[in-house]
């Protein structure tokens, strides 16, 4: 069939660089001033959904849209918006999360509907008045039926707040293995409200592990070896680009997790080069834009996309030569499972969850910006390795005993690294307990944020 989605709004034509991050005032100002085309303000994986974070985030976005947002740092530095700022998009929480502070009919409301509804109600008409619109990213979808549900919400909400149908636009993150098989259907369901698809690479890897967790023949190697050049991920990228461009809409690239490294010029240059190569791969593949996690990386991504794609997008590049099969999407890459890989998963997973429990959802760890998606990979891999007794390179099986021993050893290292006072005042022990429970439970926990949410204010 030859259908396409509705024409793209003017201010969503050029999405060459998008920066993402949580919704605190300083981050919002720095991201909007970063020089990126777009800023995706995140109520999902880069945020810890405390009641305070969710409400203050909404207030901060309301102030930003009206150009009333300012911030004074602890050292007295003043932050305010530049004359020209990025276009704002918002990612609400996924369908699996609730907002426990807002009760309807004795039940907590859907977290995604809470985030979406507050933002739309308070800001849609102001955004339209300023020449933009209510633009969203939709996370964690697994099927076209979830896209249909969002579309029904959009139609209802536009009538309810009194704005024209088709004003809302949404980019869907293809970050589950099931959604990769329904990309045309997802775009069809949202055809009057679509702003494209995005390669949500980290959650996609997590979803792959999760869906095939009971298959010992579907175990991935160390996560550091699962790069976007391995066949199943490269195939997913090609198929997403081909699908979007056939339907006349943007195919957005994924997140570069690197962040600038201070006080080490050589290490910093190596990190920047990794970002350059990642963005070069994306633009050559046919992506219309890309994500970065730090304002310092916007110039790097922008330079690559501006050089290789000087026009606003490359939707006219149809990639008709692409032939991707189910076998391509399910091809397990070669690689190794090592003790270092196990330790890194345990270390990063606990460190991230500890910060999340303290209300911080975007956490720099070992010069990478970690969010819930990368932590999910860590604990899902360990669960699968332990369940099937995966063999390390030295021949030892990943057993529950080895996992418990590794957790205890990594926790002791964290106490030494951060100091006794910071360790004892933090939530490291709780994070380790939750992580161990999820990694060694007989039943796989769908999302680590579900049991952990009970411990948030």
Protein backbone atom coordinates (compact mmCIF):
# COMPACT_ATOMS: atom_id res chain seq x y z
CA UNK A 1 0.00 0.00 0.00
CA UNK A 2 1.12 3.56 -0.67
CA UNK A 3 -0.33 5.52 2.23
CA UNK A 4 1.70 8.11 4.15
CA UNK A 5 1.19 9.80 7.49
CA UNK A 6 -0.14 13.36 7.80
CA UNK A 7 2.21 16.16 6.68
CA UNK A 8 4.90 17.12 9.17
CA UNK A 9 4.49 20.43 11.05
CA UNK A 10 6.95 23.13 10.07
CA UNK A 11 8.89 23.15 13.33
CA UNK A 12 9.36 19.35 13.23
CA UNK A 13 10.91 19.29 9.76
CA UNK A 14 14.52 19.64 10.95
CA UNK A 15 15.35 17.25 13.78
CA UNK A 16 19.02 16.69 13.07
CA UNK A 17 20.06 16.91 16.72
CA UNK A 18 17.92 16.11 19.73
CA UNK A 19 19.05 16.32 23.33
CA UNK A 20 17.26 14.43 26.08
CA UNK A 21 17.23 14.69 29.83
CA UNK A 22 15.16 15.04 33.01
CA UNK A 23 12.90 17.95 33.87
CA UNK A 24 14.78 19.91 36.55
CA UNK A 25 15.11 23.65 35.86
CA UNK A 26 18.84 23.72 35.16
CA UNK A 27 18.64 20.81 32.73
CA UNK A 28 15.69 22.31 30.87
CA UNK A 29 17.44 25.66 30.43
CA UNK A 30 20.76 24.13 29.36
CA UNK A 31 19.06 21.72 26.94
CA UNK A 32 16.86 24.38 25.34
CA UNK A 33 19.97 26.59 24.97
CA UNK A 34 22.24 23.76 23.75
CA UNK A 35 22.02 24.45 20.02
CA UNK A 36 20.13 21.20 19.42
CA UNK A 37 17.12 21.22 17.10
CA UNK A 38 14.92 19.57 19.72
CA UNK A 39 14.83 18.89 23.44
CA UNK A 40 12.96 15.84 24.73
CA UNK A 41 12.04 16.52 28.33
CA UNK A 42 11.83 13.13 29.98
CA UNK A 43 9.33 11.96 32.60
CA UNK A 44 10.33 8.37 31.86
CA UNK A 45 13.70 6.56 31.90
CA UNK A 46 15.86 9.62 32.65
CA UNK A 47 13.67 10.62 35.58
CA UNK A 48 13.01 9.12 38.98
CA UNK A 49 9.22 9.38 39.43
CA UNK A 50 9.05 10.84 42.91
CA UNK A 51 5.95 12.92 43.47
CA UNK A 52 8.13 16.02 43.73
CA UNK A 53 10.02 15.32 40.48
CA UNK A 54 6.82 14.77 38.50
CA UNK A 55 5.00 17.89 39.68
CA UNK A 56 8.02 20.19 39.65
CA UNK A 57 8.86 18.91 36.16
CA UNK A 58 5.42 19.94 34.93
CA UNK A 59 5.78 23.36 36.53
CA UNK A 60 9.24 23.81 35.03
CA UNK A 61 8.01 22.97 31.53
CA UNK A 62 5.07 25.35 31.94
CA UNK A 63 7.50 28.13 32.88
CA UNK A 64 9.86 27.24 30.01
CA UNK A 65 7.09 27.39 27.38
CA UNK A 66 6.16 30.88 28.61
CA UNK A 67 9.86 31.85 28.75
CA UNK A 68 9.53 32.53 32.49
CA UNK A 69 12.03 29.89 33.61
CA UNK A 70 15.20 30.92 35.45
CA UNK A 71 17.57 29.17 37.82
CA UNK A 72 20.29 30.25 40.24
CA UNK A 73 22.96 27.67 41.00
CA UNK A 74 24.45 27.14 44.46
CA UNK A 75 27.50 29.16 43.41
CA UNK A 76 25.26 32.07 42.37
CA UNK A 77 25.41 31.47 38.61
CA UNK A 78 22.29 32.66 36.79
CA UNK A 79 20.60 30.56 34.10
CA UNK A 80 17.98 31.85 31.66
CA UNK A 81 16.75 31.07 28.16
CA UNK A 82 18.51 32.33 25.04
CA UNK A 83 16.57 34.12 22.33
CA UNK A 84 16.58 31.01 20.12
CA UNK A 85 15.82 27.70 21.81
CA UNK A 86 15.21 24.08 20.81
CA UNK A 87 11.72 22.81 19.99
CA UNK A 88 10.23 21.03 23.01
CA UNK A 89 9.02 17.44 23.06
CA UNK A 90 7.89 15.50 26.13
CA UNK A 91 8.15 11.79 26.95
CA UNK A 92 5.49 10.62 29.40
CA UNK A 93 5.84 7.38 31.32
CA UNK A 94 4.95 4.06 29.70
CA UNK A 95 1.69 2.15 30.10
CA UNK A 96 3.19 -0.13 32.78
CA UNK A 97 3.75 2.65 35.34
CA UNK A 98 1.23 4.29 37.65
CA UNK A 99 1.16 7.60 39.52
CA UNK A 100 0.50 6.58 43.11
CA UNK A 101 -0.04 10.15 44.31
CA UNK A 102 -3.13 10.65 42.09
CA UNK A 103 -6.04 8.32 42.84
CA UNK A 104 -9.12 7.88 40.63
CA UNK A 105 -11.91 5.51 41.76
CA UNK A 106 -9.61 4.14 44.48
CA UNK A 107 -6.93 3.28 41.92
CA UNK A 108 -3.67 5.09 41.06
CA UNK A 109 -3.92 6.70 37.63
CA UNK A 110 -1.75 5.63 34.69
CA UNK A 111 1.58 7.47 34.96
CA UNK A 112 1.64 8.11 31.21
CA UNK A 113 -1.87 9.60 31.18
CA UNK A 114 -0.99 11.75 34.20
CA UNK A 115 2.14 13.17 32.52
CA UNK A 116 0.45 13.62 29.15
CA UNK A 117 -2.77 15.09 30.52
CA UNK A 118 -1.20 17.69 32.80
CA UNK A 119 1.19 18.85 30.08
CA UNK A 120 -1.50 19.06 27.39
CA UNK A 121 -4.07 20.79 29.59
CA UNK A 122 -1.69 23.48 30.83
CA UNK A 123 0.33 24.11 27.69
CA UNK A 124 -1.31 23.09 24.40
CA UNK A 125 -2.95 26.42 23.58
CA UNK A 126 0.13 28.39 24.65
CA UNK A 127 2.34 26.21 22.44
CA UNK A 128 0.01 26.75 19.46
CA UNK A 129 -0.04 30.50 20.12
CA UNK A 130 3.75 30.49 19.95
CA UNK A 131 3.82 28.66 16.61
CA UNK A 132 4.54 25.17 17.90
CA UNK A 133 2.40 22.39 19.34
CA UNK A 134 2.12 19.61 21.90
CA UNK A 135 4.73 17.10 20.72
CA UNK A 136 5.47 13.81 22.46
CA UNK A 137 7.65 10.70 22.49
CA UNK A 138 5.83 7.45 23.32
CA UNK A 139 7.90 4.77 25.11
CA UNK A 140 7.79 0.99 25.51
CA UNK A 141 5.06 0.21 22.95
CA UNK A 142 4.89 -3.48 22.04
CA UNK A 143 2.09 -3.48 19.48
CA UNK A 144 -0.13 -1.44 17.20
CA UNK A 145 -2.94 -1.86 19.74
CA UNK A 146 -1.02 0.26 22.24
CA UNK A 147 -0.51 2.84 19.50
CA UNK A 148 -4.27 2.73 18.83
CA UNK A 149 -4.93 3.38 22.52
CA UNK A 150 -2.64 6.42 22.46
CA UNK A 151 -4.38 7.66 19.31
CA UNK A 152 -7.77 7.32 21.02
CA UNK A 153 -6.38 9.34 23.94
CA UNK A 154 -5.15 12.02 21.54
CA UNK A 155 -8.50 12.31 19.75
CA UNK A 156 -10.41 12.54 23.03
CA UNK A 157 -7.95 15.00 24.60
CA UNK A 158 -7.88 17.38 21.62
CA UNK A 159 -11.66 17.65 21.69
CA UNK A 160 -11.69 18.05 25.46
CA UNK A 161 -9.18 20.93 25.59
CA UNK A 162 -10.50 22.52 22.39
CA UNK A 163 -7.63 22.25 19.92
CA UNK A 164 -7.84 20.99 16.31
CA UNK A 165 -7.54 17.28 15.60
CA UNK A 166 -4.03 16.42 14.40
CA UNK A 167 -2.36 19.10 16.54
CA UNK A 168 -0.75 16.52 18.80
CA UNK A 169 2.26 14.80 17.23
CA UNK A 170 4.06 11.78 18.65
CA UNK A 171 7.26 9.95 17.83
CA UNK A 172 7.14 6.30 18.86
CA UNK A 173 10.25 4.72 20.32
CA UNK A 174 10.75 1.33 18.72
CA UNK A 175 12.44 -0.13 21.75
CA UNK A 176 10.84 -3.55 22.04
CA UNK A 177 11.48 -6.57 19.84
CA UNK A 178 7.73 -7.07 19.29
CA UNK A 179 7.24 -3.51 18.03
CA UNK A 180 9.97 -4.07 15.43
CA UNK A 181 7.57 -6.49 13.72
CA UNK A 182 4.69 -3.96 13.68
CA UNK A 183 6.25 -0.65 12.63
CA UNK A 184 3.94 -0.06 9.65
CA UNK A 185 0.93 -0.92 11.78
CA UNK A 186 2.03 1.45 14.55
CA UNK A 187 2.44 4.29 12.07
CA UNK A 188 -0.96 3.49 10.56
CA UNK A 189 -2.71 3.71 13.92
CA UNK A 190 -1.08 7.11 14.59
CA UNK A 191 -1.12 8.33 10.98
CA UNK A 192 -2.92 11.61 11.83
CA UNK A 193 -0.66 12.25 14.81
CA UNK A 194 2.67 10.70 13.86
CA UNK A 195 6.03 12.44 14.02
CA UNK A 196 8.01 9.30 13.18
CA UNK A 197 9.84 6.45 14.88
CA UNK A 198 13.03 6.36 16.92
CA UNK A 199 15.60 3.61 17.49
CA UNK A 200 15.48 3.24 21.27
CA UNK A 201 18.56 1.07 21.25
CA UNK A 202 19.13 0.39 24.95
CA UNK A 203 15.56 -0.61 25.78
CA UNK A 204 15.49 -2.63 22.55
CA UNK A 205 18.42 -4.72 23.79
CA UNK A 206 16.71 -5.10 27.18
CA UNK A 207 13.49 -6.17 25.45
CA UNK A 208 15.38 -8.73 23.38
CA UNK A 209 16.86 -10.28 26.52
CA UNK A 210 13.52 -10.15 28.35
CA UNK A 211 11.42 -11.76 25.62
CA UNK A 212 13.88 -14.61 25.06
CA UNK A 213 14.98 -14.96 28.67
CA UNK A 214 13.92 -18.61 28.86
CA UNK A 215 15.93 -19.58 25.79
CA UNK A 216 19.56 -20.57 26.54
CA UNK A 217 20.29 -20.25 22.81
CA UNK A 218 19.31 -16.55 22.96
CA UNK A 219 21.91 -15.35 25.47
CA UNK A 220 23.72 -12.18 24.45
CA UNK A 221 27.42 -11.64 25.26
CA UNK A 222 28.76 -8.87 27.52
CA UNK A 223 26.69 -5.75 26.91
CA UNK A 224 29.81 -3.83 25.81
CA UNK A 225 30.04 -6.22 22.85
CA UNK A 226 26.42 -5.63 21.77
CA UNK A 227 27.01 -2.55 19.63
CA UNK A 228 24.84 -1.11 16.89
CA UNK A 229 27.02 -2.79 14.26
CA UNK A 230 25.98 -6.33 15.23
CA UNK A 231 23.63 -7.87 12.70
CA UNK A 232 20.33 -7.97 14.60
CA UNK A 233 20.65 -4.30 15.61
CA UNK A 234 21.88 -3.10 12.21
CA UNK A 235 18.91 -4.92 10.63
CA UNK A 236 16.47 -3.23 13.02
CA UNK A 237 17.94 0.15 12.11
CA UNK A 238 17.67 -0.47 8.37
CA UNK A 239 14.09 -1.69 8.65
CA UNK A 240 13.03 1.29 10.76
CA UNK A 241 14.54 3.77 8.30
CA UNK A 242 12.96 2.05 5.31
CA UNK A 243 9.56 1.91 7.05
CA UNK A 244 9.53 5.57 8.10
CA UNK A 245 10.70 6.92 4.76
CA UNK A 246 8.14 4.85 2.86
CA UNK A 247 5.47 6.47 5.04
CA UNK A 248 6.89 10.01 4.64
CA UNK A 249 8.09 10.54 8.19
CA UNK A 250 11.30 10.89 10.25
CA UNK A 251 13.46 7.94 11.26
CA UNK A 252 15.35 9.09 14.34
CA UNK A 253 18.65 7.66 15.53
CA UNK A 254 19.44 6.58 19.05
CA UNK A 255 21.24 7.77 22.13
CA UNK A 256 24.97 8.26 22.39
CA UNK A 257 25.56 7.55 26.08
CA UNK A 258 29.03 9.12 26.23
CA UNK A 259 29.49 12.36 28.15
CA UNK A 260 32.45 14.79 28.09
CA UNK A 261 35.34 13.76 30.36
CA UNK A 262 36.84 16.61 32.34
CA UNK A 263 40.55 16.84 33.18
CA UNK A 264 41.59 14.09 30.77
CA UNK A 265 41.93 15.44 27.22
CA UNK A 266 42.95 12.12 25.69
CA UNK A 267 40.08 10.17 27.24
CA UNK A 268 37.71 13.00 26.30
CA UNK A 269 38.82 12.89 22.67
CA UNK A 270 38.33 9.12 22.58
CA UNK A 271 34.80 9.56 23.91
CA UNK A 272 34.02 12.29 21.37
CA UNK A 273 35.38 10.11 18.56
CA UNK A 274 33.04 7.29 19.61
CA UNK A 275 30.15 9.74 19.34
CA UNK A 276 31.33 10.94 15.91
CA UNK A 277 31.55 7.39 14.59
CA UNK A 278 28.14 6.52 16.01
CA UNK A 279 26.52 9.56 14.40
CA UNK A 280 28.35 8.99 11.14
CA UNK A 281 26.96 5.45 11.02
CA UNK A 282 23.46 6.80 11.64
CA UNK A 283 23.46 9.54 9.04
CA UNK A 284 24.97 7.26 6.39
CA UNK A 285 22.33 4.63 7.14
CA UNK A 286 19.60 7.19 6.45
CA UNK A 287 18.54 8.52 9.84
CA UNK A 288 17.01 12.01 9.86
CA UNK A 289 18.42 12.99 13.24
CA UNK A 290 19.96 11.67 16.41
CA UNK A 291 20.01 11.82 20.21
CA UNK A 292 22.66 12.96 22.66
CA UNK A 293 22.58 12.99 26.47
CA UNK A 294 24.75 16.04 27.20
CA UNK A 295 24.90 19.63 25.86
CA UNK A 296 28.64 19.16 25.27
CA UNK A 297 27.91 16.54 22.61
CA UNK A 298 25.47 18.62 20.57
CA UNK A 299 28.23 20.26 18.46
CA UNK A 300 29.73 16.84 17.66
CA UNK A 301 26.44 15.32 16.49
CA UNK A 302 25.42 18.53 14.73
CA UNK A 303 28.68 18.75 12.79
CA UNK A 304 28.31 15.19 11.48
CA UNK A 305 24.66 15.55 10.45
CA UNK A 306 25.13 19.03 8.97
CA UNK A 307 28.04 17.79 6.86
CA UNK A 308 26.46 14.61 5.55
CA UNK A 309 22.84 15.82 5.52
CA UNK A 310 22.81 19.59 4.90
CA UNK A 311 19.07 19.51 4.23
CA UNK A 312 16.53 19.28 7.11
CA UNK A 313 15.98 15.53 6.63
CA UNK A 314 16.51 12.69 4.14
CA UNK A 315 13.01 11.24 4.06
CA UNK A 316 13.26 11.11 0.25
CA UNK A 317 16.00 8.46 0.62
CA UNK A 318 13.73 5.43 0.56
CA UNK A 319 16.23 2.60 1.20
CA UNK A 320 14.24 0.35 -1.16
CA UNK A 321 17.20 -2.03 -1.40
CA UNK A 322 16.74 -3.09 2.24
CA UNK A 323 15.57 -6.67 2.75
CA UNK A 324 15.19 -7.55 6.42
CA UNK A 325 13.69 -10.85 7.56
CA UNK A 326 12.63 -12.18 10.96
CA UNK A 327 15.83 -14.22 10.93
CA UNK A 328 17.85 -10.99 10.64
CA UNK A 329 16.04 -9.41 13.59
CA UNK A 330 16.67 -12.48 15.74
CA UNK A 331 20.30 -13.21 14.87
CA UNK A 332 22.37 -13.76 18.04
CA UNK A 333 25.82 -12.13 17.80
CA UNK A 334 29.02 -13.94 18.64
CA UNK A 335 30.90 -12.83 21.72
CA UNK A 336 31.96 -13.77 25.19
CA UNK A 337 30.57 -13.69 28.72
CA UNK A 338 33.30 -12.75 31.18
CA UNK A 339 33.74 -12.08 34.87
CA UNK A 340 34.43 -8.43 34.04
CA UNK A 341 31.13 -8.30 32.14
CA UNK A 342 29.28 -9.81 35.10
CA UNK A 343 30.94 -7.40 37.53
CA UNK A 344 30.15 -4.39 35.33
CA UNK A 345 26.48 -5.37 35.16
CA UNK A 346 26.29 -5.72 38.93
CA UNK A 347 28.29 -2.54 39.60
CA UNK A 348 26.43 -0.27 37.18
CA UNK A 349 23.05 -1.75 38.01
CA UNK A 350 23.38 -1.15 41.75
CA UNK A 351 24.91 2.31 41.33
CA UNK A 352 22.10 3.39 39.02
CA UNK A 353 19.31 1.99 41.18
CA UNK A 354 20.81 3.64 44.27
CA UNK A 355 20.69 7.03 42.56
CA UNK A 356 17.16 6.36 41.25
CA UNK A 357 15.97 5.58 44.77
CA UNK A 358 17.35 8.96 45.86
CA UNK A 359 15.34 10.70 43.11
CA UNK A 360 17.90 10.94 40.31
CA UNK A 361 17.06 9.17 37.04
CA UNK A 362 19.97 10.24 34.79
CA UNK A 363 23.25 9.14 36.35
CA UNK A 364 26.81 9.54 35.01
CA UNK A 365 28.71 6.30 35.70
CA UNK A 366 32.15 5.61 34.23
CA UNK A 367 31.79 8.48 31.75
CA UNK A 368 28.48 7.18 30.35
CA UNK A 369 25.04 8.63 31.05
CA UNK A 370 23.06 5.73 32.46
CA UNK A 371 19.28 5.67 32.66
CA UNK A 372 16.74 3.01 33.54
CA UNK A 373 17.15 1.27 30.16
CA UNK A 374 20.86 0.55 30.55
CA UNK A 375 20.30 -0.63 34.13
CA UNK A 376 17.57 -2.95 32.86
CA UNK A 377 20.08 -4.58 30.48
CA UNK A 378 22.44 -5.18 33.40
CA UNK A 379 19.98 -7.00 35.63
CA UNK A 380 18.20 -8.86 32.79
CA UNK A 381 21.49 -10.24 31.49
CA UNK A 382 22.53 -11.48 34.92
CA UNK A 383 19.10 -13.08 35.45
CA UNK A 384 19.33 -14.96 32.14
CA UNK A 385 22.97 -15.97 32.64
CA UNK A 386 22.23 -17.29 36.13
CA UNK A 387 19.06 -19.11 35.07
CA UNK A 388 20.86 -21.03 32.34
CA UNK A 389 24.25 -21.35 34.05
CA UNK A 390 26.05 -19.43 31.30
CA UNK A 391 29.75 -20.26 31.14
CA UNK A 392 32.30 -17.54 31.72
CA UNK A 393 35.40 -17.50 29.52
CA UNK A 394 37.33 -19.29 32.28
CA UNK A 395 34.76 -22.11 32.33
CA UNK A 396 32.94 -21.23 35.55
CA UNK A 397 29.13 -21.19 35.38
CA UNK A 398 27.22 -18.04 36.38
CA UNK A 399 25.51 -19.50 39.45
CA UNK A 400 23.35 -17.84 42.11
CA UNK A 401 26.28 -18.25 44.50
CA UNK A 402 28.64 -16.44 42.13
CA UNK A 403 26.11 -13.63 41.64
CA UNK A 404 25.69 -13.19 45.41
CA UNK A 405 29.44 -13.20 45.90
CA UNK A 406 29.89 -10.63 43.12
CA UNK A 407 27.22 -8.36 44.61
CA UNK A 408 28.91 -8.47 48.03
CA UNK A 409 32.34 -7.73 46.54
CA UNK A 410 31.11 -4.88 44.35
CA UNK A 411 29.19 -3.39 47.27
CA UNK A 412 32.40 -3.40 49.35
CA UNK A 413 34.21 -1.63 46.51
CA UNK A 414 31.49 1.04 46.41
CA UNK A 415 31.93 1.67 50.14
CA UNK A 416 35.67 2.18 49.57
CA UNK A 417 35.12 4.32 46.47
CA UNK A 418 32.45 6.64 47.86
CA UNK A 419 33.51 6.64 51.50
CA UNK A 420 31.72 5.26 54.55
CA UNK A 421 29.66 8.39 55.21
CA UNK A 422 28.25 8.68 51.67
CA UNK A 423 27.70 4.91 51.54
CA UNK A 424 25.84 4.73 54.85
CA UNK A 425 23.68 7.80 54.10
CA UNK A 426 22.84 6.53 50.63
CA UNK A 427 20.63 3.67 49.49
CA UNK A 428 23.30 1.23 48.34
CA UNK A 429 22.19 -1.64 50.58
CA UNK A 430 18.56 -1.30 49.52
CA UNK A 431 19.58 -1.09 45.86
CA UNK A 432 21.72 -4.21 46.23
CA UNK A 433 18.89 -6.09 47.97
CA UNK A 434 16.41 -5.17 45.23
CA UNK A 435 18.91 -5.97 42.50
CA UNK A 436 19.79 -9.36 44.00
CA UNK A 437 16.12 -10.21 44.40
CA UNK A 438 15.40 -9.35 40.77
CA UNK A 439 18.49 -11.09 39.41
CA UNK A 440 17.91 -14.35 41.26
CA UNK A 441 14.12 -14.56 41.45
CA UNK A 442 12.50 -17.57 39.80
CA UNK A 443 10.04 -15.22 38.11
CA UNK A 444 11.44 -12.45 35.93
CA UNK A 445 10.40 -8.94 37.00
CA UNK A 446 9.02 -7.12 33.95
CA UNK A 447 10.55 -3.74 34.87
CA UNK A 448 12.91 -2.96 37.74
CA UNK A 449 11.04 0.31 38.33
CA UNK A 450 7.88 -1.57 39.36
CA UNK A 451 9.10 -3.01 42.70
CA UNK A 452 11.47 -0.07 43.24
CA UNK A 453 8.63 2.49 42.88
CA UNK A 454 7.22 1.39 46.24
CA UNK A 455 10.33 2.86 47.92
CA UNK A 456 9.97 6.35 46.38
CA UNK A 457 8.28 9.29 48.07
